[in-house]
Amino acid sequence: MTIAERILHVIHQIHQAEAEYGRPPGTVALIAVSKGQSKEAIEQAFAAGVHQFGENYLQEAEPKINILAKLPITWHFIGPIQSNKCRPIAHYFSWVHSVCRASIAQRLNDARPQSLPALNVCIQINDDDEKKAGIHPEQAAELASAILLLPRLHLRGLMLIPKQGHDELQLYLSFQKLTALLHSLNKQLHIHMDTLSMGMSGDFQVAIRAGSTMVRIGQTIFGERR
């Protein structure tokens, strides 16, 4: 299958899941995870209708973003954030999904150019996986409160990378907990976060069932990384 054919298949699966689980059509956004992919592969995906792309590593993303600057792509940073990379991340990306420290949020805020809209950010929640970044759910309110004080950041929601080895029920319960946490934080802090970034190639339909509004799909679209 070509990249375009794979994208059509993924979009069809998303629409099917929306219908099956009572989600309004078009409420789940597709983020094509383009780490390890060439400029040409991204151009093919863009031509097939995907305009939002996710990158994990600044060093890899920066040249691609520059060379594809003429395309109206929305770039999402979805990887771990190093303190010394906050300035370029705040410059190149419209979204950052992986904020898990107040100090990182402050650096992103301070580095966001005034000429650009506020940077959309999500707090990364850890699913009891010591190998993954993110904060524990009970720490989320404190970090969210800190982010709300930063004028160059727009707190949009939560992100989750589930623990490896979960079966479908365990995945669903993990995703459902994130949905419940978002609703709880909205009520507690009197805010209106609207984004649940959860679901990847192997589990995005389960994530949609649990309430995901953004799925991050890489291998199913692009095939094996190059």
Protein backbone atom coordinates (compact mmCIF):
# COMPACT_ATOMS: atom_id res chain seq x y z
CA MET A 1 0.00 0.00 0.00
CA THR A 2 1.09 3.56 -0.64
CA ILE A 3 1.23 6.19 2.09
CA ALA A 4 -1.93 7.75 0.66
CA GLU A 5 -3.75 4.40 0.73
CA ARG A 6 -2.66 3.76 4.32
CA ILE A 7 -3.90 7.21 5.35
CA LEU A 8 -7.29 6.61 3.77
CA HIS A 9 -7.49 3.30 5.65
CA VAL A 10 -6.57 4.92 8.99
CA ILE A 11 -9.06 7.76 8.47
CA HIS A 12 -11.76 5.19 7.67
CA GLN A 13 -10.92 3.32 10.90
CA ILE A 14 -11.11 6.56 12.88
CA HIS A 15 -14.51 7.39 11.39
CA GLN A 16 -15.73 3.85 12.11
CA ALA A 17 -14.61 4.11 15.73
CA GLU A 18 -16.27 7.51 16.12
CA ALA A 19 -19.54 6.05 14.86
CA GLU A 20 -19.29 2.84 16.88
CA TYR A 21 -18.58 4.60 20.17
CA GLY A 22 -21.03 7.46 19.80
CA ARG A 23 -18.47 10.14 19.08
CA PRO A 24 -19.54 13.05 16.85
CA PRO A 25 -17.94 12.82 13.39
CA GLY A 26 -14.64 14.67 13.10
CA THR A 27 -13.94 14.93 16.83
CA VAL A 28 -10.75 12.83 16.64
CA ALA A 29 -7.73 14.49 15.00
CA LEU A 30 -5.06 12.46 13.23
CA ILE A 31 -1.43 13.32 14.01
CA ALA A 32 0.98 11.58 11.62
CA VAL A 33 4.13 10.72 13.57
CA SER A 34 6.90 11.44 11.08
CA LYS A 35 10.01 10.67 13.15
CA GLY A 36 12.50 8.76 11.04
CA GLN A 37 10.64 9.69 7.85
CA SER A 38 11.91 11.61 4.84
CA LYS A 39 10.75 14.96 3.51
CA GLU A 40 9.21 13.10 0.56
CA ALA A 41 7.18 10.81 2.81
CA ILE A 42 5.82 13.80 4.72
CA GLU A 43 4.94 15.53 1.44
CA GLN A 44 3.05 12.41 0.32
CA ALA A 45 1.11 12.31 3.58
CA PHE A 46 0.32 16.01 3.31
CA ALA A 47 -0.93 15.55 -0.27
CA ALA A 48 -3.19 12.76 1.02
CA GLY A 49 -4.87 15.16 3.43
CA VAL A 50 -2.88 14.96 6.69
CA HIS A 51 -1.80 18.42 7.82
CA GLN A 52 -0.70 17.69 11.40
CA PHE A 53 2.61 15.93 12.07
CA GLY A 54 4.33 14.79 15.25
CA GLU A 55 8.07 14.72 15.89
CA ASN A 56 9.98 13.26 18.84
CA TYR A 57 13.45 14.73 18.41
CA LEU A 58 14.28 18.37 17.78
CA GLN A 59 17.56 17.60 16.02
CA GLU A 60 15.71 15.52 13.43
CA ALA A 61 12.63 17.75 13.20
CA GLU A 62 14.30 21.13 12.75
CA PRO A 63 15.68 20.60 9.21
CA LYS A 64 12.43 18.98 8.07
CA ILE A 65 10.35 21.87 9.41
CA ASN A 66 12.61 24.37 7.67
CA ILE A 67 12.62 22.60 4.32
CA LEU A 68 8.83 22.11 4.41
CA ALA A 69 8.11 25.65 5.62
CA LYS A 70 6.00 26.48 2.55
CA LEU A 71 3.44 23.83 3.47
CA PRO A 72 0.79 24.87 6.06
CA ILE A 73 1.71 22.06 8.44
CA THR A 74 0.87 22.11 12.14
CA TRP A 75 3.85 20.60 13.96
CA HIS A 76 3.45 18.76 17.27
CA PHE A 77 6.38 17.98 19.56
CA ILE A 78 5.65 14.67 21.26
CA GLY A 79 9.01 13.56 22.67
CA PRO A 80 10.95 14.16 25.89
CA ILE A 81 11.93 17.81 26.39
CA GLN A 82 15.48 18.77 27.34
CA SER A 83 15.85 22.13 29.07
CA ASN A 84 18.38 23.37 26.51
CA LYS A 85 15.99 22.58 23.65
CA CYS A 86 13.05 24.65 24.91
CA ARG A 87 13.83 27.75 22.86
CA PRO A 88 13.81 26.08 19.42
CA ILE A 89 10.86 23.88 20.39
CA ALA A 90 8.90 27.00 21.36
CA HIS A 91 9.82 28.58 18.03
CA TYR A 92 9.17 25.71 15.62
CA PHE A 93 6.14 23.91 17.05
CA SER A 94 2.47 24.82 17.50
CA TRP A 95 1.85 22.05 20.04
CA VAL A 96 3.92 20.38 22.76
CA HIS A 97 2.35 17.21 24.17
CA SER A 98 5.03 16.21 26.67
CA VAL A 99 5.23 18.89 29.37
CA CYS A 100 5.90 17.26 32.74
CA ARG A 101 7.77 19.89 34.77
CA ALA A 102 6.93 23.46 35.76
CA SER A 103 10.50 24.53 34.91
CA ILE A 104 10.08 23.27 31.34
CA ALA A 105 6.74 25.08 31.04
CA GLN A 106 8.38 28.29 32.23
CA ARG A 107 11.20 27.96 29.68
CA LEU A 108 8.75 27.29 26.85
CA ASN A 109 6.68 30.29 27.91
CA ASP A 110 9.70 32.60 28.06
CA ALA A 111 10.97 31.40 24.67
CA ARG A 112 7.67 31.58 22.75
CA PRO A 113 8.00 34.44 20.21
CA GLN A 114 5.51 37.27 20.66
CA SER A 115 4.83 37.11 16.92
CA LEU A 116 3.29 33.65 17.31
CA PRO A 117 0.07 32.57 19.06
CA ALA A 118 0.35 31.04 22.52
CA LEU A 119 1.93 27.59 22.43
CA ASN A 120 -0.61 24.78 22.85
CA VAL A 121 0.58 22.37 25.54
CA CYS A 122 -0.51 19.08 27.07
CA ILE A 123 0.67 17.60 30.35
CA GLN A 124 2.16 14.12 29.96
CA ILE A 125 0.77 11.68 32.50
CA ASN A 126 2.76 8.58 33.47
CA ASP A 127 0.94 5.24 33.42
CA ASP A 128 3.01 3.65 36.22
CA ASP A 129 5.86 3.02 33.77
CA GLU A 130 9.29 3.83 35.19
CA LYS A 131 10.77 3.81 31.67
CA LYS A 132 8.51 6.62 30.46
CA ALA A 133 8.43 10.34 31.20
CA GLY A 134 5.42 12.08 32.67
CA ILE A 135 3.98 12.93 36.05
CA HIS A 136 1.71 10.94 38.32
CA PRO A 137 -1.98 11.88 38.11
CA GLU A 138 -2.04 13.33 41.63
CA GLN A 139 0.61 15.88 40.56
CA ALA A 140 -1.36 17.13 37.56
CA ALA A 141 -3.41 19.82 39.32
CA GLU A 142 -0.30 21.53 40.67
CA LEU A 143 1.43 21.55 37.28
CA ALA A 144 -1.75 22.66 35.50
CA SER A 145 -2.12 25.55 37.94
CA ALA A 146 1.46 26.63 37.22
CA ILE A 147 0.92 26.50 33.46
CA LEU A 148 -2.26 28.56 33.72
CA LEU A 149 -0.16 31.45 35.05
CA LEU A 150 2.02 31.51 31.91
CA PRO A 151 0.57 33.85 29.25
CA ARG A 152 2.49 32.41 26.29
CA LEU A 153 1.18 28.90 26.90
CA HIS A 154 -2.33 27.58 26.27
CA LEU A 155 -3.07 24.51 28.38
CA ARG A 156 -5.09 22.24 26.11
CA GLY A 157 -5.16 18.86 27.84
CA LEU A 158 -3.37 15.65 28.75
CA MET A 159 -1.18 13.12 26.95
CA LEU A 160 -0.58 9.45 27.73
CA ILE A 161 1.77 6.77 26.45
CA PRO A 162 0.37 3.56 27.97
CA LYS A 163 2.55 0.99 29.66
CA GLN A 164 3.84 -1.68 27.30
CA GLY A 165 2.33 -5.12 27.63
CA HIS A 166 -1.21 -4.01 28.46
CA ASP A 167 -4.02 -6.07 26.98
CA GLU A 168 -7.03 -4.34 25.43
CA LEU A 169 -8.96 -4.08 28.70
CA GLN A 170 -5.95 -2.67 30.55
CA LEU A 171 -5.39 -0.17 27.74
CA TYR A 172 -9.01 0.92 27.87
CA LEU A 173 -8.89 1.38 31.63
CA SER A 174 -5.67 3.44 31.36
CA PHE A 175 -7.19 5.66 28.68
CA GLN A 176 -10.44 5.95 30.61
CA LYS A 177 -8.51 7.11 33.70
CA LEU A 178 -6.93 9.89 31.65
CA THR A 179 -10.36 10.99 30.42
CA ALA A 180 -11.65 11.04 34.00
CA LEU A 181 -8.57 13.00 35.13
CA LEU A 182 -9.16 15.67 32.49
CA HIS A 183 -12.79 16.10 33.54
CA SER A 184 -11.75 16.23 37.20
CA LEU A 185 -9.11 18.90 36.56
CA ASN A 186 -11.53 20.97 34.50
CA LYS A 187 -14.00 20.94 37.37
CA GLN A 188 -11.40 21.49 40.11
CA LEU A 189 -9.58 24.35 38.36
CA HIS A 190 -12.60 25.84 36.56
CA ILE A 191 -10.96 25.47 33.15
CA HIS A 192 -11.92 23.99 29.79
CA MET A 193 -9.18 21.63 28.59
CA ASP A 194 -10.43 19.90 25.46
CA THR A 195 -7.61 17.61 24.33
CA LEU A 196 -6.83 13.98 25.15
CA SER A 197 -3.71 12.96 23.21
CA MET A 198 -3.80 9.19 23.46
CA GLY A 199 -3.76 6.29 21.06
CA MET A 200 -1.06 5.10 18.67
CA SER A 201 -0.89 2.63 15.78
CA GLY A 202 -1.66 -0.44 17.87
CA ASP A 203 -4.34 0.94 20.16
CA PHE A 204 -5.95 4.06 18.70
CA GLN A 205 -9.41 2.51 18.34
CA VAL A 206 -9.40 1.58 22.04
CA ALA A 207 -8.29 5.14 22.83
CA ILE A 208 -11.14 6.61 20.77
CA ARG A 209 -13.58 4.42 22.67
CA ALA A 210 -12.21 5.90 25.92
CA GLY A 211 -12.45 9.52 24.74
CA SER A 212 -9.31 10.39 22.77
CA THR A 213 -9.42 13.57 20.69
CA MET A 214 -5.96 13.16 19.10
CA VAL A 215 -4.37 9.93 17.92
CA ARG A 216 -0.66 9.74 17.08
CA ILE A 217 -0.12 7.29 14.21
CA GLY A 218 3.30 6.51 12.75
CA GLN A 219 4.05 3.00 11.56
CA THR A 220 0.54 2.30 10.27
CA ILE A 221 0.90 5.29 7.92
CA PHE A 222 4.58 5.27 6.99
CA GLY A 223 5.61 1.65 7.51
CA GLU A 224 8.86 0.77 9.25
CA ARG A 225 11.13 3.69 10.15
CA ARG A 226 13.96 4.44 7.77
